[in-house]
Every structure is written in C-alpha cells, then in structure tokens.
Amino acid sequence: MFELVHFRGADKIIKEKKMTNIVRSLMQYLDDCLYGTRHKSELMRQALKENDWRQNGDCKIFTERKYAYHGFRNRVAIDGSFSSYEAIQGALFRLQLGYDHKKIDVGIVMIPAQRSEKSKLGKTRDLVKKEIELLEPTITIPVLVAIFDLGRPGELYEENRQKPETVIKKKDVDQEELARKYLHGDRQYESEPEPDKEVKAEAHRRKPAVYKKTMINDQKIAA
C-alpha cells in the first residue's frame, strides 16, 4: 500500500507532462514487487529499468560526480530509500541539485511508512509535511513524496517458504488416493474384485475335466 503527497504543484507538472498514469502505475508496480521482501534496492532498480526509468542504466546528475538518481524519465527524477525515513533529506538535496541546474522539472521521493514505535511525531504523512516546510527555502523543488507501507521485511519469504510444504503434502495425498483406487478400486480392504457367480460356476465346471485328464495321463505312464 502506498500514499502520494504532492508539494508545490508537483501534481500539475506531472499532469502537464502526461505522466500521471505512468507515475501511479510505477508506484503500484514497486509496491507489488517490494512488499514483504528483504533486499529491496536491487529489486527496485530492476523494476525501474523494466518500466523505462533507467534507460541508460546510470542516472547521474553530473557526469563528473557520483550524485545519481534511482530513475529518470522526461525530466522527472526519482530518489529516496525504503530503509529509513531520514533518507528523505538526502533525496531532496539531490533532487534540488538537478532542479537548480535545470536538469529536471519535478522530483519524486520514495520513503517507508514504518518508523520507530517510540516516535512521538505522529503519522508519516504529517511528518513529511512538516519536513518540507522546515526545509524551505533551502529546498524549493516541486516534489511528489510516495509513502510505502511494504510490510515486515522477509514476510513474503516466510509465506513462500511455507507454501511448498502444503502443496507437497496435498500432492502426496492425491497420489496415494490415486494408487489405492488403481489397485483396489474404491474398496479399501480388498486387493482384487470379487468374481461374479458365472465366473465361479465356469471355474467349477472345468475342474473335473482337468482332473480326468490328469488321471488319463497317469494311466498312460503306468502302462
């Protein structure tokens, strides 16, 4: 689950660029990919690449420096971190650099919704609003802040780790049931179907003939 909060007309700029649906689709894709996972950085880069936000692989702000964005498309840059809320400040700083040097028109910051249970600063959305106000006029870039609730790290791994055991158990039960029906029919304690009366009568009639033939052979041998 995620929440989008716009500042300084960021929503209007994104709309003018006809990227409203593109941005929302990307956020939904990231939410689906990263929920409950442990190693989010690599998965995030892969998701951005698949959605054409890392076309060149490298999203440097300046070619001679290491400052870089996570994603870049149509003069819209993405930065942030899912590890801690405090990453919002560094992300805003890097986005402001690109904005001041006329490289981008609007920025997107991704942050986690989870914070320490001991925090007395209220909800993450309210804290973001205060943060943006405090950083002005140092930070003036129109920005969209995406707040992600990605669950407990490793939660998805634990769920998937338990699923195969359930599937295997069910599969074994199905195979045992199939084998039982194949060998015994629907009756659990009989190994062969009971012969009908006609088969019994036929077998009974044949016995004297076999016995008689045996007697004749014995007589021939004796002679």
Protein backbone atom coordinates (compact mmCIF):
# COMPACT_ATOMS: atom_id res chain seq x y z
CA MET A 1 0.00 0.00 0.00
CA PHE A 2 1.28 3.49 -0.80
CA GLU A 3 0.22 7.11 -0.46
CA LEU A 4 1.12 10.02 -2.74
CA VAL A 5 1.57 13.52 -1.32
CA HIS A 6 2.23 16.46 -3.68
CA PHE A 7 4.03 19.71 -2.84
CA ARG A 8 4.46 22.98 -4.78
CA GLY A 9 2.23 21.96 -7.68
CA ALA A 10 4.07 18.71 -8.47
CA ASP A 11 0.79 17.04 -9.49
CA LYS A 12 0.07 19.76 -12.09
CA ILE A 13 3.56 19.48 -13.61
CA ILE A 14 3.31 15.69 -13.84
CA LYS A 15 -0.13 16.07 -15.43
CA GLU A 16 1.19 18.57 -18.00
CA LYS A 17 3.84 16.02 -18.93
CA LYS A 18 1.05 13.42 -19.36
CA MET A 19 2.74 11.20 -16.84
CA THR A 20 0.07 10.92 -14.13
CA ASN A 21 -0.87 7.36 -15.03
CA ILE A 22 2.76 6.44 -15.73
CA VAL A 23 3.87 7.55 -12.28
CA ARG A 24 0.96 5.87 -10.49
CA SER A 25 1.48 2.64 -12.43
CA LEU A 26 5.14 2.66 -11.46
CA MET A 27 4.32 3.15 -7.79
CA GLN A 28 1.84 0.27 -7.92
CA TYR A 29 4.42 -1.92 -9.65
CA LEU A 30 7.01 -1.13 -6.98
CA ASP A 31 4.50 -1.86 -4.24
CA ASP A 32 3.71 -5.26 -5.78
CA CYS A 33 7.38 -6.13 -6.29
CA LEU A 34 8.79 -5.00 -2.95
CA TYR A 35 6.10 -5.91 -0.43
CA GLY A 36 7.48 -8.20 2.27
CA THR A 37 10.93 -8.56 0.65
CA ARG A 38 14.32 -8.22 2.35
CA HIS A 39 16.66 -6.87 -0.36
CA LYS A 40 14.68 -4.01 -1.83
CA SER A 41 17.43 -1.98 -3.54
CA GLU A 42 18.21 -4.45 -6.31
CA LEU A 43 14.53 -5.24 -6.89
CA MET A 44 13.75 -1.53 -7.05
CA ARG A 45 16.41 -0.89 -9.71
CA GLN A 46 15.14 -3.82 -11.74
CA ALA A 47 11.55 -2.57 -11.51
CA LEU A 48 12.58 0.94 -12.59
CA LYS A 49 14.50 -0.50 -15.51
CA GLU A 50 11.55 -2.62 -16.63
CA ASN A 51 9.34 0.49 -16.59
CA ASP A 52 11.80 2.59 -18.65
CA TRP A 53 13.05 4.77 -15.80
CA ARG A 54 16.66 3.62 -16.15
CA GLN A 55 17.12 3.55 -19.91
CA ASN A 56 20.83 4.29 -19.77
CA GLY A 57 21.45 2.28 -16.63
CA ASP A 58 23.11 5.29 -14.98
CA CYS A 59 21.13 8.34 -13.83
CA LYS A 60 23.93 10.67 -12.78
CA ILE A 61 23.15 14.30 -12.05
CA PHE A 62 26.63 15.43 -13.08
CA THR A 63 28.90 13.31 -15.23
CA GLU A 64 31.98 14.16 -13.15
CA ARG A 65 30.35 13.40 -9.76
CA LYS A 66 28.77 10.35 -8.16
CA TYR A 67 25.44 12.01 -7.40
CA ALA A 68 22.78 9.94 -9.13
CA TYR A 69 19.05 9.34 -9.11
CA HIS A 70 17.32 5.99 -8.89
CA GLY A 71 15.31 6.77 -12.00
CA PHE A 72 14.89 9.47 -14.63
CA ARG A 73 12.30 10.00 -17.36
CA ASN A 74 11.03 13.05 -19.25
CA ARG A 75 12.78 15.45 -16.83
CA VAL A 76 11.21 13.72 -13.82
CA ALA A 77 13.69 12.23 -11.34
CA ILE A 78 13.12 9.56 -8.66
CA ASP A 79 15.13 9.20 -5.47
CA GLY A 80 14.69 8.03 -1.88
CA SER A 81 15.11 4.90 0.20
CA PHE A 82 12.97 2.16 1.75
CA SER A 83 15.35 1.55 4.65
CA SER A 84 14.68 4.67 6.75
CA TYR A 85 12.52 7.76 6.77
CA GLU A 86 15.54 10.03 7.32
CA ALA A 87 16.68 9.34 3.74
CA ILE A 88 14.15 11.96 2.63
CA GLN A 89 16.61 14.76 3.36
CA GLY A 90 19.42 13.38 1.18
CA ALA A 91 16.94 12.60 -1.61
CA LEU A 92 15.55 16.14 -1.55
CA PHE A 93 19.06 17.57 -1.66
CA ARG A 94 19.99 15.57 -4.78
CA LEU A 95 16.71 16.46 -6.47
CA GLN A 96 17.26 20.14 -5.66
CA LEU A 97 20.67 20.00 -7.37
CA GLY A 98 19.09 18.75 -10.58
CA TYR A 99 16.33 21.34 -10.32
CA ASP A 100 18.74 24.24 -9.76
CA HIS A 101 20.85 23.18 -12.75
CA LYS A 102 17.74 22.97 -14.98
CA LYS A 103 18.08 19.23 -15.50
CA ILE A 104 14.70 18.25 -14.03
CA ASP A 105 11.30 19.91 -13.58
CA VAL A 106 9.90 17.83 -10.73
CA GLY A 107 11.12 15.17 -8.31
CA ILE A 108 9.71 12.05 -6.69
CA VAL A 109 10.89 10.87 -3.26
CA MET A 110 10.12 7.32 -2.06
CA ILE A 111 10.19 6.65 1.69
CA PRO A 112 8.91 3.93 4.05
CA ALA A 113 5.81 4.49 6.16
CA GLN A 114 7.25 2.48 9.08
CA ARG A 115 9.03 4.38 11.84
CA SER A 116 10.02 3.62 15.40
CA GLU A 117 7.09 2.75 17.67
CA LYS A 118 8.55 5.20 20.20
CA SER A 119 8.26 8.13 17.78
CA LYS A 120 6.05 10.94 19.06
CA LEU A 121 6.00 12.84 15.77
CA GLY A 122 2.66 11.48 14.57
CA LYS A 123 1.82 9.89 11.24
CA THR A 124 4.40 9.75 8.46
CA ARG A 125 2.23 11.91 6.18
CA ASP A 126 2.07 14.68 8.80
CA LEU A 127 5.80 14.41 9.44
CA VAL A 128 6.55 14.78 5.71
CA LYS A 129 4.51 18.00 5.56
CA LYS A 130 6.45 19.47 8.47
CA GLU A 131 9.74 18.36 6.93
CA ILE A 132 9.03 20.12 3.64
CA GLU A 133 8.03 23.29 5.47
CA LEU A 134 11.17 23.30 7.62
CA LEU A 135 13.49 22.79 4.63
CA GLU A 136 12.11 25.79 2.76
CA PRO A 137 13.59 27.98 1.29
CA THR A 138 16.63 25.66 1.03
CA ILE A 139 14.52 23.07 -0.83
CA THR A 140 12.16 24.63 -3.38
CA ILE A 141 11.69 21.87 -5.96
CA PRO A 142 8.15 20.72 -6.77
CA VAL A 143 8.12 17.23 -5.32
CA LEU A 144 5.88 14.19 -5.00
CA VAL A 145 6.51 12.11 -1.88
CA ALA A 146 5.47 8.44 -2.16
CA ILE A 147 4.98 6.81 1.25
CA PHE A 148 5.15 3.00 1.07
CA ASP A 149 3.89 0.51 3.62
CA LEU A 150 5.79 -2.58 2.46
CA GLY A 151 5.09 -4.80 5.45
CA ARG A 152 7.66 -6.59 7.58
CA PRO A 153 10.97 -7.36 5.82
CA GLY A 154 11.11 -11.05 4.91
CA GLU A 155 7.36 -11.53 5.33
CA LEU A 156 6.90 -12.64 1.73
CA TYR A 157 9.82 -15.05 2.03
CA GLU A 158 8.27 -16.69 5.09
CA GLU A 159 4.93 -17.07 3.29
CA ASN A 160 6.50 -18.63 0.20
CA ARG A 161 8.67 -20.91 2.34
CA GLN A 162 5.58 -22.45 3.90
CA LYS A 163 3.54 -22.81 0.71
CA PRO A 164 5.60 -25.61 -0.96
CA GLU A 165 5.15 -27.85 2.11
CA THR A 166 1.39 -27.55 1.82
CA VAL A 167 1.47 -28.26 -1.90
CA ILE A 168 3.75 -31.29 -1.50
CA LYS A 169 1.60 -32.73 1.28
CA LYS A 170 -1.55 -32.38 -0.80
CA LYS A 171 0.21 -33.86 -3.81
CA ASP A 172 1.31 -36.90 -1.78
CA VAL A 173 -2.22 -37.45 -0.51
CA ASP A 174 -3.60 -37.23 -4.05
CA GLN A 175 -1.05 -39.75 -5.34
CA GLU A 176 -1.80 -42.17 -2.51
CA GLU A 177 -5.52 -41.91 -3.21
CA LEU A 178 -4.96 -42.50 -6.92
CA ALA A 179 -2.76 -45.54 -6.24
CA ARG A 180 -5.32 -47.01 -3.86
CA LYS A 181 -8.14 -46.65 -6.38
CA TYR A 182 -5.97 -48.07 -9.16
CA LEU A 183 -5.00 -51.16 -7.16
CA HIS A 184 -8.13 -51.78 -5.11
CA GLY A 185 -10.91 -49.83 -6.69
CA ASP A 186 -12.99 -47.86 -4.21
CA ARG A 187 -12.83 -50.64 -1.61
CA GLN A 188 -10.05 -50.10 0.88
CA TYR A 189 -9.51 -53.63 2.19
CA GLU A 190 -9.91 -55.84 -0.89
CA SER A 191 -6.98 -56.42 -3.17
CA GLU A 192 -9.00 -57.93 -6.04
CA PRO A 193 -12.56 -57.56 -7.22
CA GLU A 194 -14.84 -60.41 -6.19
CA PRO A 195 -15.62 -62.72 -9.17
CA ASP A 196 -19.26 -62.95 -10.15
CA LYS A 197 -21.38 -66.14 -9.96
CA GLU A 198 -20.96 -67.04 -13.63
CA VAL A 199 -17.15 -66.99 -13.34
CA LYS A 200 -17.33 -69.20 -10.23
CA ALA A 201 -19.60 -71.70 -11.99
CA GLU A 202 -17.33 -71.83 -15.01
CA ALA A 203 -14.30 -72.49 -12.85
CA HIS A 204 -16.23 -75.22 -11.00
CA ARG A 205 -17.20 -76.97 -14.24
CA ARG A 206 -13.64 -77.03 -15.53
CA LYS A 207 -12.14 -78.79 -12.52
CA PRO A 208 -13.44 -82.33 -13.31
CA ALA A 209 -12.12 -82.12 -16.86
CA VAL A 210 -8.68 -81.19 -15.59
CA TYR A 211 -8.83 -83.97 -13.01
CA LYS A 212 -9.96 -86.50 -15.60
CA LYS A 213 -7.19 -85.51 -17.98
CA THR A 214 -4.64 -85.95 -15.21
CA MET A 215 -5.95 -89.44 -14.45
CA ILE A 216 -5.64 -90.47 -18.08
CA ASN A 217 -2.05 -89.25 -18.26
CA ASP A 218 -1.20 -91.18 -15.09
CA GLN A 219 -2.68 -94.33 -16.56
CA LYS A 220 -0.63 -93.92 -19.75
CA ILE A 221 2.56 -93.53 -17.76
CA ALA A 222 1.72 -96.65 -15.70
CA ALA A 223 1.09 -98.67 -18.81
